[in-house]
Amino acid sequence: MIKLVSMLITIFLFPLLLNAGHMFIWNYDTLDKFYDSEVGDSVDCAYWLEQALTTDGHTFVTNTTLPADLSPYDGVLVTLGWYRC
């Protein structure tokens, strides 16, 4: 049964994964930067989201304020930062 459900989900969701979408990344806390040894520099919370979306062929807009109208976007990703003492 689980195999059948997995197969049906794959059949119905696979075409959605092939289509590139236009995403909005709300980088809420711009003060959060951390050193990433793979990049060799400090990056913000949205950096790897942007890299993944670019690699997958999606377009995106990154901003620190949430727009009132989100209808032009197919999805919204929100980075809330790290807990700081």
C-alpha atoms as a PDB file:
ATOM      1  CA  MET A   1       0.000   0.000   0.000  1.00  0.00           C
ATOM      2  CA  ILE A   2       2.797   2.417   0.902  1.00  0.00           C
ATOM      3  CA  LYS A   3       4.497   1.591  -2.397  1.00  0.00           C
ATOM      4  CA  LEU A   4       1.310   2.451  -4.301  1.00  0.00           C
ATOM      5  CA  VAL A   5       0.879   5.752  -2.448  1.00  0.00           C
ATOM      6  CA  SER A   6       4.524   6.671  -3.077  1.00  0.00           C
ATOM      7  CA  MET A   7       4.153   5.874  -6.761  1.00  0.00           C
ATOM      8  CA  LEU A   8       0.983   7.969  -7.087  1.00  0.00           C
ATOM      9  CA  ILE A   9       2.572  10.928  -5.295  1.00  0.00           C
ATOM     10  CA  THR A  10       5.597  10.691  -7.582  1.00  0.00           C
ATOM     11  CA  ILE A  11       3.433  10.524 -10.716  1.00  0.00           C
ATOM     12  CA  PHE A  12       1.346  13.536  -9.729  1.00  0.00           C
ATOM     13  CA  LEU A  13       4.104  15.697  -8.217  1.00  0.00           C
ATOM     14  CA  PHE A  14       6.894  14.997 -10.720  1.00  0.00           C
ATOM     15  CA  PRO A  15       5.509  17.330 -13.419  1.00  0.00           C
ATOM     16  CA  LEU A  16       5.295  20.127 -10.830  1.00  0.00           C
ATOM     17  CA  LEU A  17       8.964  19.703  -9.988  1.00  0.00           C
ATOM     18  CA  LEU A  18       9.961  20.070 -13.643  1.00  0.00           C
ATOM     19  CA  ASN A  19       8.321  23.485 -14.003  1.00  0.00           C
ATOM     20  CA  ALA A  20      10.414  26.407 -12.849  1.00  0.00           C
ATOM     21  CA  GLY A  21       8.652  28.747 -10.479  1.00  0.00           C
ATOM     22  CA  HIS A  22       9.066  32.350  -9.453  1.00  0.00           C
ATOM     23  CA  MET A  23       9.837  32.493  -5.739  1.00  0.00           C
ATOM     24  CA  PHE A  24      10.027  35.222  -3.121  1.00  0.00           C
ATOM     25  CA  ILE A  25      12.631  34.924  -0.352  1.00  0.00           C
ATOM     26  CA  TRP A  26      11.890  37.078   2.665  1.00  0.00           C
ATOM     27  CA  ASN A  27      15.269  37.535   4.363  1.00  0.00           C
ATOM     28  CA  TYR A  28      13.807  38.887   7.578  1.00  0.00           C
ATOM     29  CA  ASP A  29      16.955  39.282   9.668  1.00  0.00           C
ATOM     30  CA  THR A  30      19.756  40.746   7.579  1.00  0.00           C
ATOM     31  CA  LEU A  31      22.100  40.964  10.573  1.00  0.00           C
ATOM     32  CA  ASP A  32      22.477  37.194  10.641  1.00  0.00           C
ATOM     33  CA  LYS A  33      25.637  36.341   8.791  1.00  0.00           C
ATOM     34  CA  PHE A  34      27.825  33.340   9.415  1.00  0.00           C
ATOM     35  CA  TYR A  35      31.099  32.074   8.047  1.00  0.00           C
ATOM     36  CA  ASP A  36      30.677  29.315   5.486  1.00  0.00           C
ATOM     37  CA  SER A  37      33.914  27.396   4.879  1.00  0.00           C
ATOM     38  CA  GLU A  38      32.631  26.091   1.529  1.00  0.00           C
ATOM     39  CA  VAL A  39      32.223  29.645   0.234  1.00  0.00           C
ATOM     40  CA  GLY A  40      35.201  31.019   2.160  1.00  0.00           C
ATOM     41  CA  ASP A  41      33.281  34.081   3.295  1.00  0.00           C
ATOM     42  CA  SER A  42      30.350  35.188   5.424  1.00  0.00           C
ATOM     43  CA  VAL A  43      26.900  34.534   3.978  1.00  0.00           C
ATOM     44  CA  ASP A  44      23.393  35.429   5.086  1.00  0.00           C
ATOM     45  CA  CYS A  45      20.526  33.035   5.740  1.00  0.00           C
ATOM     46  CA  ALA A  46      19.150  33.297   2.205  1.00  0.00           C
ATOM     47  CA  TYR A  47      22.404  32.433   0.430  1.00  0.00           C
ATOM     48  CA  TRP A  48      21.970  28.685   0.099  1.00  0.00           C
ATOM     49  CA  LEU A  49      18.264  29.038  -0.677  1.00  0.00           C
ATOM     50  CA  GLU A  50      19.225  31.293  -3.581  1.00  0.00           C
ATOM     51  CA  GLN A  51      21.879  28.840  -4.749  1.00  0.00           C
ATOM     52  CA  ALA A  52      19.445  25.910  -4.670  1.00  0.00           C
ATOM     53  CA  LEU A  53      16.740  27.821  -6.533  1.00  0.00           C
ATOM     54  CA  THR A  54      19.217  28.949  -9.190  1.00  0.00           C
ATOM     55  CA  THR A  55      20.520  25.407  -9.629  1.00  0.00           C
ATOM     56  CA  ASP A  56      16.983  24.086 -10.035  1.00  0.00           C
ATOM     57  CA  GLY A  57      16.142  26.727 -12.647  1.00  0.00           C
ATOM     58  CA  HIS A  58      13.812  28.850 -10.538  1.00  0.00           C
ATOM     59  CA  THR A  59      13.752  32.623 -10.560  1.00  0.00           C
ATOM     60  CA  PHE A  60      13.534  34.485  -7.275  1.00  0.00           C
ATOM     61  CA  VAL A  61      13.411  37.869  -5.610  1.00  0.00           C
ATOM     62  CA  THR A  62      15.064  38.381  -2.219  1.00  0.00           C
ATOM     63  CA  ASN A  63      14.005  41.278  -0.018  1.00  0.00           C
ATOM     64  CA  THR A  64      14.030  42.239   3.657  1.00  0.00           C
ATOM     65  CA  THR A  65      10.406  43.412   3.660  1.00  0.00           C
ATOM     66  CA  LEU A  66       7.373  41.311   2.864  1.00  0.00           C
ATOM     67  CA  PRO A  67       5.336  42.832   0.024  1.00  0.00           C
ATOM     68  CA  ALA A  68       1.604  43.357   0.464  1.00  0.00           C
ATOM     69  CA  ASP A  69       0.850  41.479  -2.765  1.00  0.00           C
ATOM     70  CA  LEU A  70       2.403  38.034  -3.092  1.00  0.00           C
ATOM     71  CA  SER A  71       0.307  36.978  -6.084  1.00  0.00           C
ATOM     72  CA  PRO A  72       3.153  37.277  -8.654  1.00  0.00           C
ATOM     73  CA  TYR A  73       5.055  34.522  -6.829  1.00  0.00           C
ATOM     74  CA  ASP A  74       4.561  30.765  -6.965  1.00  0.00           C
ATOM     75  CA  GLY A  75       6.009  30.314  -3.491  1.00  0.00           C
ATOM     76  CA  VAL A  76       7.394  32.197  -0.505  1.00  0.00           C
ATOM     77  CA  LEU A  77      10.401  31.151   1.571  1.00  0.00           C
ATOM     78  CA  VAL A  78      10.954  32.903   4.909  1.00  0.00           C
ATOM     79  CA  THR A  79      14.251  33.064   6.782  1.00  0.00           C
ATOM     80  CA  LEU A  80      13.780  34.082  10.385  1.00  0.00           C
ATOM     81  CA  GLY A  81      17.418  34.199  11.380  1.00  0.00           C
ATOM     82  CA  TRP A  82      19.265  32.659  14.281  1.00  0.00           C
ATOM     83  CA  TYR A  83      18.644  33.067  17.983  1.00  0.00           C
ATOM     84  CA  ARG A  84      21.098  35.576  19.434  1.00  0.00           C
ATOM     85  CA  CYS A  85      21.672  36.082  23.138  1.00  0.00           C
END
